[in-house]
C-alpha atoms as a PDB file:
ATOM      1  CA  MET A   1      85.199 105.419 103.123  1.00  0.00           C
ATOM      2  CA  LYS A   2      82.138 105.561 100.995  1.00  0.00           C
ATOM      3  CA  PHE A   3      80.565 102.518  99.393  1.00  0.00           C
ATOM      4  CA  ALA A   4      78.186 102.396  96.338  1.00  0.00           C
ATOM      5  CA  GLY A   5      76.933  99.635  94.499  1.00  0.00           C
ATOM      6  CA  VAL A   6      75.967  98.804  90.833  1.00  0.00           C
ATOM      7  CA  VAL A   7      73.965  95.753  89.486  1.00  0.00           C
ATOM      8  CA  VAL A   8      73.178  94.973  85.901  1.00  0.00           C
ATOM      9  CA  LEU A   9      69.743  93.757  84.992  1.00  0.00           C
ATOM     10  CA  TYR A  10      68.630  92.133  81.784  1.00  0.00           C
ATOM     11  CA  ASN A  11      64.947  90.982  81.579  1.00  0.00           C
ATOM     12  CA  PRO A  12      64.817  90.631  85.094  1.00  0.00           C
ATOM     13  CA  SER A  13      62.002  88.971  87.228  1.00  0.00           C
ATOM     14  CA  LYS A  14      60.666  90.297  90.575  1.00  0.00           C
ATOM     15  CA  LYS A  15      63.349  88.098  92.395  1.00  0.00           C
ATOM     16  CA  ILE A  16      65.648  90.859  91.873  1.00  0.00           C
ATOM     17  CA  ASN A  17      64.104  92.545  94.856  1.00  0.00           C
ATOM     18  CA  ASP A  18      65.064  89.789  97.372  1.00  0.00           C
ATOM     19  CA  ASN A  19      68.925  89.726  95.987  1.00  0.00           C
ATOM     20  CA  ILE A  20      68.882  93.704  96.501  1.00  0.00           C
ATOM     21  CA  GLN A  21      67.746  93.348  99.918  1.00  0.00           C
ATOM     22  CA  SER A  22      70.622  91.167 100.800  1.00  0.00           C
ATOM     23  CA  TYR A  23      73.361  93.826 100.148  1.00  0.00           C
ATOM     24  CA  ILE A  24      71.630  97.274  99.894  1.00  0.00           C
ATOM     25  CA  LYS A  25      72.119  97.808 103.723  1.00  0.00           C
ATOM     26  CA  GLY A  26      76.180  97.543 103.261  1.00  0.00           C
ATOM     27  CA  ILE A  27      76.065 100.538 100.504  1.00  0.00           C
ATOM     28  CA  GLU A  28      74.943 104.145 100.513  1.00  0.00           C
ATOM     29  CA  LYS A  29      73.788 104.222  96.960  1.00  0.00           C
ATOM     30  CA  LEU A  30      72.689 101.487  94.350  1.00  0.00           C
ATOM     31  CA  TYR A  31      73.053 102.035  90.556  1.00  0.00           C
ATOM     32  CA  ILE A  32      70.617  99.588  88.651  1.00  0.00           C
ATOM     33  CA  VAL A  33      71.784  99.654  85.049  1.00  0.00           C
ATOM     34  CA  ASP A  34      69.291  97.903  82.868  1.00  0.00           C
ATOM     35  CA  ASN A  35      70.179  96.267  79.572  1.00  0.00           C
ATOM     36  CA  SER A  36      66.710  95.257  78.504  1.00  0.00           C
ATOM     37  CA  SER A  37      64.818  96.759  75.750  1.00  0.00           C
ATOM     38  CA  LYS A  38      62.040  98.011  77.918  1.00  0.00           C
ATOM     39  CA  ASP A  39      61.738  99.908  81.036  1.00  0.00           C
ATOM     40  CA  ASN A  40      61.478  97.685  84.268  1.00  0.00           C
ATOM     41  CA  SER A  41      61.257 100.400  86.844  1.00  0.00           C
ATOM     42  CA  GLU A  42      57.890  99.126  87.885  1.00  0.00           C
ATOM     43  CA  ILE A  43      59.007  95.667  89.242  1.00  0.00           C
ATOM     44  CA  ILE A  44      62.171  97.536  91.224  1.00  0.00           C
ATOM     45  CA  CYS A  45      61.449  98.076  94.760  1.00  0.00           C
ATOM     46  CA  ARG A  46      61.219 101.420  95.886  1.00  0.00           C
ATOM     47  CA  HIS A  47      64.180 102.688  97.833  1.00  0.00           C
ATOM     48  CA  ASN A  48      65.765 106.032  98.681  1.00  0.00           C
ATOM     49  CA  LYS A  49      69.337 104.428  98.054  1.00  0.00           C
ATOM     50  CA  ILE A  50      68.333 103.332  94.569  1.00  0.00           C
ATOM     51  CA  GLU A  51      68.889 105.105  91.236  1.00  0.00           C
ATOM     52  CA  TYR A  52      67.489 103.290  88.010  1.00  0.00           C
ATOM     53  CA  ILE A  53      69.440 103.729  84.735  1.00  0.00           C
ATOM     54  CA  PRO A  54      67.559 102.081  81.618  1.00  0.00           C
ATOM     55  CA  ASN A  55      69.675 101.580  78.321  1.00  0.00           C
ATOM     56  CA  PHE A  56      66.800 100.322  76.332  1.00  0.00           C
ATOM     57  CA  ASP A  57      69.313  98.105  74.744  1.00  0.00           C
ATOM     58  CA  ASN A  58      71.880  95.341  75.633  1.00  0.00           C
ATOM     59  CA  LEU A  59      74.868  97.240  75.705  1.00  0.00           C
ATOM     60  CA  GLY A  60      76.820  94.292  77.489  1.00  0.00           C
ATOM     61  CA  ILE A  61      77.773  93.808  81.032  1.00  0.00           C
ATOM     62  CA  ALA A  62      81.053  95.744  80.764  1.00  0.00           C
ATOM     63  CA  THR A  63      79.447  99.024  79.671  1.00  0.00           C
ATOM     64  CA  ALA A  64      76.867  98.636  82.133  1.00  0.00           C
ATOM     65  CA  LEU A  65      79.237  98.311  84.836  1.00  0.00           C
ATOM     66  CA  ASN A  66      81.295 101.194  83.451  1.00  0.00           C
ATOM     67  CA  ILE A  67      78.203 103.539  83.678  1.00  0.00           C
ATOM     68  CA  GLY A  68      77.634 102.762  87.249  1.00  0.00           C
ATOM     69  CA  ALA A  69      81.380 103.127  88.289  1.00  0.00           C
ATOM     70  CA  LYS A  70      81.447 106.483  86.485  1.00  0.00           C
ATOM     71  CA  ARG A  71      78.275 107.519  88.436  1.00  0.00           C
ATOM     72  CA  ALA A  72      79.856 106.373  91.726  1.00  0.00           C
ATOM     73  CA  ILE A  73      82.983 108.333  90.853  1.00  0.00           C
ATOM     74  CA  GLU A  74      80.942 111.576  89.999  1.00  0.00           C
ATOM     75  CA  ASP A  75      79.265 111.048  93.421  1.00  0.00           C
ATOM     76  CA  LYS A  76      82.298 110.761  95.216  1.00  0.00           C
ATOM     77  CA  PHE A  77      82.442 107.228  96.333  1.00  0.00           C
ATOM     78  CA  ASP A  78      85.531 105.241  97.230  1.00  0.00           C
ATOM     79  CA  TYR A  79      84.442 101.813  96.386  1.00  0.00           C
ATOM     80  CA  LEU A  80      81.896 100.000  94.141  1.00  0.00           C
ATOM     81  CA  LEU A  81      80.062  96.751  94.892  1.00  0.00           C
ATOM     82  CA  THR A  82      79.460  95.054  91.436  1.00  0.00           C
ATOM     83  CA  MET A  83      76.383  92.509  91.235  1.00  0.00           C
ATOM     84  CA  ASP A  84      74.537  90.242  88.717  1.00  0.00           C
ATOM     85  CA  GLN A  85      71.191  90.182  88.990  1.00  0.00           C
ATOM     86  CA  ASP A  86      71.185  86.407  90.030  1.00  0.00           C
ATOM     87  CA  SER A  87      73.268  86.767  92.983  1.00  0.00           C
ATOM     88  CA  LYS A  88      72.706  87.473  96.719  1.00  0.00           C
ATOM     89  CA  PHE A  89      74.544  87.533 100.032  1.00  0.00           C
ATOM     90  CA  ASN A  90      74.255  85.098 102.867  1.00  0.00           C
ATOM     91  CA  ASN A  91      72.171  86.977 105.836  1.00  0.00           C
ATOM     92  CA  ASN A  92      74.627  89.913 106.810  1.00  0.00           C
ATOM     93  CA  ASP A  93      77.786  89.128 104.695  1.00  0.00           C
ATOM     94  CA  ILE A  94      77.896  92.242 102.702  1.00  0.00           C
ATOM     95  CA  LEU A  95      78.389  94.217 106.065  1.00  0.00           C
ATOM     96  CA  LYS A  96      81.392  91.537 106.959  1.00  0.00           C
ATOM     97  CA  LEU A  97      82.905  92.322 103.549  1.00  0.00           C
ATOM     98  CA  THR A  98      82.600  96.327 103.759  1.00  0.00           C
ATOM     99  CA  ASN A  99      83.889  95.913 107.611  1.00  0.00           C
ATOM    100  CA  MET A 100      86.906  93.914 106.385  1.00  0.00           C
ATOM    101  CA  ILE A 101      87.732  96.900 104.324  1.00  0.00           C
ATOM    102  CA  LYS A 102      86.867  99.754 106.965  1.00  0.00           C
ATOM    103  CA  LYS A 103      88.842  97.965 109.750  1.00  0.00           C
ATOM    104  CA  TYR A 104      91.739  96.489 107.179  1.00  0.00           C
ATOM    105  CA  TYR A 105      94.544  97.837 109.657  1.00  0.00           C
ATOM    106  CA  ASP A 106      93.056  96.491 112.578  1.00  0.00           C
ATOM    107  CA  ASN A 107      93.239  92.798 111.209  1.00  0.00           C
ATOM    108  CA  ARG A 108      96.754  91.408 111.794  1.00  0.00           C
ATOM    109  CA  ASP A 109      96.226  88.577 109.781  1.00  0.00           C
ATOM    110  CA  LEU A 110      95.538  90.497 106.678  1.00  0.00           C
ATOM    111  CA  ILE A 111      98.532  92.801 107.129  1.00  0.00           C
ATOM    112  CA  GLU A 112     100.641  90.022 107.440  1.00  0.00           C
ATOM    113  CA  GLN A 113      99.318  88.145 104.543  1.00  0.00           C
ATOM    114  CA  PHE A 114      98.765  90.994 102.000  1.00  0.00           C
ATOM    115  CA  GLY A 115     100.601  94.223 103.387  1.00  0.00           C
ATOM    116  CA  ASN A 116      99.730  97.092 105.286  1.00  0.00           C
ATOM    117  CA  ASP A 117      98.982  99.475 102.244  1.00  0.00           C
ATOM    118  CA  LEU A 118      95.295  99.261 101.632  1.00  0.00           C
ATOM    119  CA  SER A 119      95.648 101.265  98.462  1.00  0.00           C
ATOM    120  CA  LYS A 120      97.277  98.376  96.824  1.00  0.00           C
ATOM    121  CA  ILE A 121      94.350  96.122  97.284  1.00  0.00           C
ATOM    122  CA  GLY A 122      92.249  96.555  93.836  1.00  0.00           C
ATOM    123  CA  LEU A 123      89.138  94.394  94.642  1.00  0.00           C
ATOM    124  CA  PHE A 124      87.647  92.616  97.891  1.00  0.00           C
ATOM    125  CA  THR A 125      85.604  89.615  97.060  1.00  0.00           C
ATOM    126  CA  PRO A 126      83.434  86.818  98.806  1.00  0.00           C
ATOM    127  CA  LEU A 127      83.571  82.853  98.143  1.00  0.00           C
ATOM    128  CA  HIS A 128      81.067  82.121  95.449  1.00  0.00           C
ATOM    129  CA  VAL A 129      78.848  79.219  96.018  1.00  0.00           C
ATOM    130  CA  ILE A 130      77.490  78.132  92.749  1.00  0.00           C
ATOM    131  CA  ASN A 131      73.801  77.120  92.264  1.00  0.00           C
ATOM    132  CA  ASN A 132      74.222  76.594  96.249  1.00  0.00           C
ATOM    133  CA  ASP A 133      76.844  73.678  95.964  1.00  0.00           C
ATOM    134  CA  LYS A 134      80.225  74.511  97.372  1.00  0.00           C
ATOM    135  CA  LYS A 135      81.541  71.261  95.729  1.00  0.00           C
ATOM    136  CA  ILE A 136      81.269  72.552  92.427  1.00  0.00           C
ATOM    137  CA  LEU A 137      84.243  74.811  92.619  1.00  0.00           C
ATOM    138  CA  GLY A 138      85.907  73.358  95.834  1.00  0.00           C
ATOM    139  CA  GLU A 139      86.003  74.609  99.229  1.00  0.00           C
ATOM    140  CA  PRO A 140      89.113  76.788  99.836  1.00  0.00           C
ATOM    141  CA  ASN A 141      91.281  75.500 103.219  1.00  0.00           C
ATOM    142  CA  GLU A 142      92.164  79.009 104.298  1.00  0.00           C
ATOM    143  CA  LYS A 143      90.057  82.270 105.500  1.00  0.00           C
ATOM    144  CA  TYR A 144      91.979  84.485 103.035  1.00  0.00           C
ATOM    145  CA  ASP A 145      93.365  83.802  99.627  1.00  0.00           C
ATOM    146  CA  SER A 146      94.036  85.561  96.167  1.00  0.00           C
ATOM    147  CA  PRO A 147      92.982  83.754  93.135  1.00  0.00           C
ATOM    148  CA  LEU A 148      94.327  85.045  90.043  1.00  0.00           C
ATOM    149  CA  ASN A 149      90.715  86.211  89.038  1.00  0.00           C
ATOM    150  CA  VAL A 150      87.389  86.123  90.189  1.00  0.00           C
ATOM    151  CA  MET A 151      83.736  86.478  88.806  1.00  0.00           C
ATOM    152  CA  THR A 152      82.213  90.009  88.597  1.00  0.00           C
ATOM    153  CA  SER A 153      79.427  89.429  91.187  1.00  0.00           C
ATOM    154  CA  GLY A 154      80.007  90.302  94.918  1.00  0.00           C
ATOM    155  CA  ASN A 155      83.243  92.005  94.217  1.00  0.00           C
ATOM    156  CA  ILE A 156      83.979  95.430  95.899  1.00  0.00           C
ATOM    157  CA  ILE A 157      86.525  97.368  93.823  1.00  0.00           C
ATOM    158  CA  ASN A 158      88.800 100.423  94.717  1.00  0.00           C
ATOM    159  CA  LEU A 159      87.395 103.221  92.136  1.00  0.00           C
ATOM    160  CA  ASP A 160      90.973 104.876  92.184  1.00  0.00           C
ATOM    161  CA  ILE A 161      92.474 101.737  90.849  1.00  0.00           C
ATOM    162  CA  TYR A 162      89.592 101.150  88.607  1.00  0.00           C
ATOM    163  CA  GLN A 163      90.491 104.567  87.022  1.00  0.00           C
ATOM    164  CA  LYS A 164      94.086 103.857  86.682  1.00  0.00           C
ATOM    165  CA  ILE A 165      93.646 100.430  84.825  1.00  0.00           C
ATOM    166  CA  GLY A 166      90.961 101.871  82.683  1.00  0.00           C
ATOM    167  CA  GLY A 167      87.800 100.234  83.803  1.00  0.00           C
ATOM    168  CA  PHE A 168      86.027  97.237  82.298  1.00  0.00           C
ATOM    169  CA  ARG A 169      86.644  96.102  78.605  1.00  0.00           C
ATOM    170  CA  ASP A 170      83.612  97.371  76.721  1.00  0.00           C
ATOM    171  CA  ASP A 171      84.632  95.290  73.398  1.00  0.00           C
ATOM    172  CA  PHE A 172      84.482  92.152  75.414  1.00  0.00           C
ATOM    173  CA  PHE A 173      80.870  92.811  75.930  1.00  0.00           C
ATOM    174  CA  ILE A 174      80.036  89.903  78.255  1.00  0.00           C
ATOM    175  CA  ASP A 175      82.355  86.800  78.813  1.00  0.00           C
ATOM    176  CA  CYS A 176      85.884  87.239  80.327  1.00  0.00           C
ATOM    177  CA  VAL A 177      85.201  91.125  81.318  1.00  0.00           C
ATOM    178  CA  ASP A 178      85.874  90.141  85.123  1.00  0.00           C
ATOM    179  CA  PHE A 179      88.984  87.848  84.215  1.00  0.00           C
ATOM    180  CA  ASP A 180      90.603  90.646  81.954  1.00  0.00           C
ATOM    181  CA  TYR A 181      89.847  93.366  84.913  1.00  0.00           C
ATOM    182  CA  CYS A 182      91.750  91.038  87.514  1.00  0.00           C
ATOM    183  CA  MET A 183      94.662  90.426  85.271  1.00  0.00           C
ATOM    184  CA  LYS A 184      94.887  93.981  84.350  1.00  0.00           C
ATOM    185  CA  MET A 185      94.911  95.062  87.897  1.00  0.00           C
ATOM    186  CA  ARG A 186      97.554  92.315  88.880  1.00  0.00           C
ATOM    187  CA  LYS A 187      99.726  93.331  85.615  1.00  0.00           C
ATOM    188  CA  LEU A 188      99.844  97.001  87.408  1.00  0.00           C
ATOM    189  CA  GLY A 189     100.893  95.556  90.450  1.00  0.00           C
ATOM    190  CA  TYR A 190      97.685  95.278  92.486  1.00  0.00           C
ATOM    191  CA  ASN A 191      96.376  92.542  94.693  1.00  0.00           C
ATOM    192  CA  LEU A 192      92.836  90.931  95.533  1.00  0.00           C
ATOM    193  CA  ILE A 193      91.723  89.631  98.696  1.00  0.00           C
ATOM    194  CA  ARG A 194      89.134  86.558  98.927  1.00  0.00           C
ATOM    195  CA  ASN A 195      87.312  86.015 102.348  1.00  0.00           C
ATOM    196  CA  ASN A 196      86.279  82.491 102.279  1.00  0.00           C
ATOM    197  CA  ASP A 197      83.875  82.843 105.266  1.00  0.00           C
ATOM    198  CA  ILE A 198      81.864  85.503 103.577  1.00  0.00           C
ATOM    199  CA  ILE A 199      79.454  83.576 100.890  1.00  0.00           C
ATOM    200  CA  LEU A 200      77.918  84.881  97.981  1.00  0.00           C
ATOM    201  CA  ASN A 201      75.087  82.736  96.405  1.00  0.00           C
ATOM    202  CA  HIS A 202      75.659  82.779  92.543  1.00  0.00           C
ATOM    203  CA  GLU A 203      73.127  81.195  90.130  1.00  0.00           C
ATOM    204  CA  LEU A 204      75.404  80.303  87.017  1.00  0.00           C
ATOM    205  CA  GLY A 205      72.926  78.673  84.692  1.00  0.00           C
ATOM    206  CA  ASN A 206      71.822  74.973  84.517  1.00  0.00           C
ATOM    207  CA  TYR A 207      74.477  72.672  85.874  1.00  0.00           C
ATOM    208  CA  VAL A 208      74.107  69.330  84.095  1.00  0.00           C
ATOM    209  CA  THR A 209      75.390  65.972  84.995  1.00  0.00           C
ATOM    210  CA  LYS A 210      75.503  62.761  82.839  1.00  0.00           C
ATOM    211  CA  LYS A 211      77.034  59.319  82.903  1.00  0.00           C
ATOM    212  CA  PHE A 212      78.447  57.388  79.957  1.00  0.00           C
ATOM    213  CA  PHE A 213      80.052  54.057  80.364  1.00  0.00           C
ATOM    214  CA  GLY A 214      80.271  54.433  84.254  1.00  0.00           C
ATOM    215  CA  LYS A 215      82.146  57.952  83.727  1.00  0.00           C
ATOM    216  CA  THR A 216      80.397  61.126  85.095  1.00  0.00           C
ATOM    217  CA  TYR A 217      80.589  64.402  82.941  1.00  0.00           C
ATOM    218  CA  SER A 218      79.317  67.833  84.320  1.00  0.00           C
ATOM    219  CA  THR A 219      78.966  71.201  82.697  1.00  0.00           C
ATOM    220  CA  PHE A 220      77.061  74.433  83.073  1.00  0.00           C
ATOM    221  CA  GLU A 221      74.745  74.660  80.019  1.00  0.00           C
ATOM    222  CA  HIS A 222      74.705  77.898  78.362  1.00  0.00           C
ATOM    223  CA  ASN A 223      72.789  79.063  75.084  1.00  0.00           C
ATOM    224  CA  HIS A 224      74.836  79.364  71.897  1.00  0.00           C
ATOM    225  CA  ILE A 225      75.351  83.167  72.182  1.00  0.00           C
ATOM    226  CA  ARG A 226      77.044  82.357  75.495  1.00  0.00           C
ATOM    227  CA  ARG A 227      79.346  79.784  73.946  1.00  0.00           C
ATOM    228  CA  TYR A 228      80.250  82.139  71.101  1.00  0.00           C
ATOM    229  CA  TYR A 229      81.484  85.101  73.492  1.00  0.00           C
ATOM    230  CA  ILE A 230      83.222  82.454  75.973  1.00  0.00           C
ATOM    231  CA  ILE A 231      85.400  80.988  73.094  1.00  0.00           C
ATOM    232  CA  ARG A 232      86.090  84.368  71.338  1.00  0.00           C
ATOM    233  CA  ASN A 233      87.047  86.244  74.374  1.00  0.00           C
ATOM    234  CA  ARG A 234      88.831  83.388  76.077  1.00  0.00           C
ATOM    235  CA  HIS A 235      91.239  83.580  73.192  1.00  0.00           C
ATOM    236  CA  TYR A 236      91.696  87.277  73.268  1.00  0.00           C
ATOM    237  CA  LEU A 237      92.396  86.974  76.962  1.00  0.00           C
ATOM    238  CA  CYS A 238      94.990  84.284  76.285  1.00  0.00           C
ATOM    239  CA  LYS A 239      96.713  86.383  73.453  1.00  0.00           C
ATOM    240  CA  MET A 240      96.856  89.498  75.428  1.00  0.00           C
ATOM    241  CA  TYR A 241      98.065  87.990  78.899  1.00  0.00           C
ATOM    242  CA  TRP A 242     100.403  85.099  77.555  1.00  0.00           C
ATOM    243  CA  ASN A 243     103.518  86.522  78.381  1.00  0.00           C
ATOM    244  CA  ASP A 244     102.544  87.620  82.009  1.00  0.00           C
ATOM    245  CA  PHE A 245     100.327  84.558  83.038  1.00  0.00           C
ATOM    246  CA  ASN A 246     101.601  81.923  80.704  1.00  0.00           C
ATOM    247  CA  GLU A 247     100.381  78.709  82.855  1.00  0.00           C
ATOM    248  CA  TYR A 248      96.904  79.965  83.252  1.00  0.00           C
ATOM    249  CA  CYS A 249      96.632  80.856  79.493  1.00  0.00           C
ATOM    250  CA  ARG A 250      98.021  77.459  78.305  1.00  0.00           C
ATOM    251  CA  LEU A 251      95.442  75.720  80.677  1.00  0.00           C
ATOM    252  CA  GLU A 252      92.632  78.049  79.548  1.00  0.00           C
ATOM    253  CA  LYS A 253      93.182  77.328  75.867  1.00  0.00           C
ATOM    254  CA  LYS A 254      92.845  73.682  76.430  1.00  0.00           C
ATOM    255  CA  CYS A 255      89.237  74.078  78.093  1.00  0.00           C
ATOM    256  CA  SER A 256      87.837  75.113  74.486  1.00  0.00           C
ATOM    257  CA  LEU A 257      88.012  71.673  73.043  1.00  0.00           C
ATOM    258  CA  LYS A 258      86.873  70.028  76.529  1.00  0.00           C
ATOM    259  CA  GLU A 259      83.651  72.244  76.685  1.00  0.00           C
ATOM    260  CA  LEU A 260      82.785  71.212  73.021  1.00  0.00           C
ATOM    261  CA  LYS A 261      83.144  67.454  74.181  1.00  0.00           C
ATOM    262  CA  LEU A 262      80.890  68.416  77.069  1.00  0.00           C
ATOM    263  CA  VAL A 263      78.474  70.146  74.890  1.00  0.00           C
ATOM    264  CA  TRP A 264      78.037  66.984  72.767  1.00  0.00           C
ATOM    265  CA  LEU A 265      78.043  64.824  75.783  1.00  0.00           C
ATOM    266  CA  CYS A 266      75.567  66.586  77.990  1.00  0.00           C
ATOM    267  CA  GLU A 267      73.847  69.636  76.350  1.00  0.00           C
ATOM    268  CA  LYS A 268      70.902  70.284  74.211  1.00  0.00           C
ATOM    269  CA  HIS A 269      71.254  72.145  70.711  1.00  0.00           C
ATOM    270  CA  LYS A 270      74.555  70.562  70.174  1.00  0.00           C
ATOM    271  CA  ILE A 271      74.992  71.472  66.437  1.00  0.00           C
ATOM    272  CA  LYS A 272      74.015  75.115  66.943  1.00  0.00           C
ATOM    273  CA  LYS A 273      76.220  75.701  70.039  1.00  0.00           C
ATOM    274  CA  SER A 274      79.331  73.940  68.090  1.00  0.00           C
ATOM    275  CA  TRP A 275      78.745  76.121  65.192  1.00  0.00           C
ATOM    276  CA  TYR A 276      78.666  79.221  67.440  1.00  0.00           C
ATOM    277  CA  MET A 277      81.751  77.815  69.306  1.00  0.00           C
ATOM    278  CA  LEU A 278      83.475  77.835  65.897  1.00  0.00           C
ATOM    279  CA  LYS A 279      82.306  81.107  65.036  1.00  0.00           C
ATOM    280  CA  GLY A 280      83.606  82.675  67.962  1.00  0.00           C
ATOM    281  CA  TYR A 281      87.035  81.291  67.407  1.00  0.00           C
ATOM    282  CA  ILE A 282      86.709  82.301  63.526  1.00  0.00           C
ATOM    283  CA  ASP A 283      85.941  85.852  64.615  1.00  0.00           C
ATOM    284  CA  TYR A 284      88.775  85.968  67.118  1.00  0.00           C
ATOM    285  CA  LYS A 285      91.157  85.044  64.126  1.00  0.00           C
ATOM    286  CA  LYS A 286      89.399  87.978  62.034  1.00  0.00           C
ATOM    287  CA  GLY A 287      89.978  90.466  65.215  1.00  0.00           C
ATOM    288  CA  LYS A 288      86.111  91.082  65.551  1.00  0.00           C
ATOM    289  CA  LYS A 289      85.103  92.307  68.946  1.00  0.00           C
ATOM    290  CA  GLY A 290      81.954  93.722  70.571  1.00  0.00           C
ATOM    291  CA  LYS A 291      78.530  92.705  70.115  1.00  0.00           C
ATOM    292  CA  ILE A 292      77.822  89.581  67.999  1.00  0.00           C
END
């Protein structure tokens, strides 16, 4: 088995090098796909495993991931680690994740829970610890589980299955790219495995908590552009998978009004964000996709 990795950059700082060091030991090659408008190669650490690919434009996370995946396929890799620039593994946890795949058939618990056909597992993922706080997303009780979908960063995807499902959806540009990939994969009969003993530290924006009349409200504060993509792509996602994952889609659609409420209770730039959330919904109704 051969493992490569891709990390997507957008106006990175030198902190990216610390994050890269947390996982480069577990892969044979790292494709750094940069969506910044300028060349950032001078701040990237020198390493013989690294191939730097500048786009000189923000092409979106889906296109950047697809660029890395296609390079990995051309270079005859079997699996691809997908990373955000703001994520890092704990200690040697990347090696635990790759070894879980390499030694899949030696693990009775995995075979008992997920079957004895590794080729049916499209994705392996760690537990995401958001902003150094497990409580934000809750701590699972079991070592292995299989949530419906997971965030992009820290996943190791099977590149054969990647090709069969058509890769990441370019016209989503950024948000829901990961969820679409997981649901598309599941719709075709493939599974995903999360190892909750393996930790990925993920920085997901500013987590804001405020109290009103004795009640606590919390949210991740995103800028107005992210708010646009979240609303627009969420509705596309629910429309595409309504018949396949109805319960999830019903709950997801309710999140839009809840998030609008939290913007007004907890966040800055309330009017601008509210307008872009409305614009996201309007563009969904108009059938607009791609970059705003």
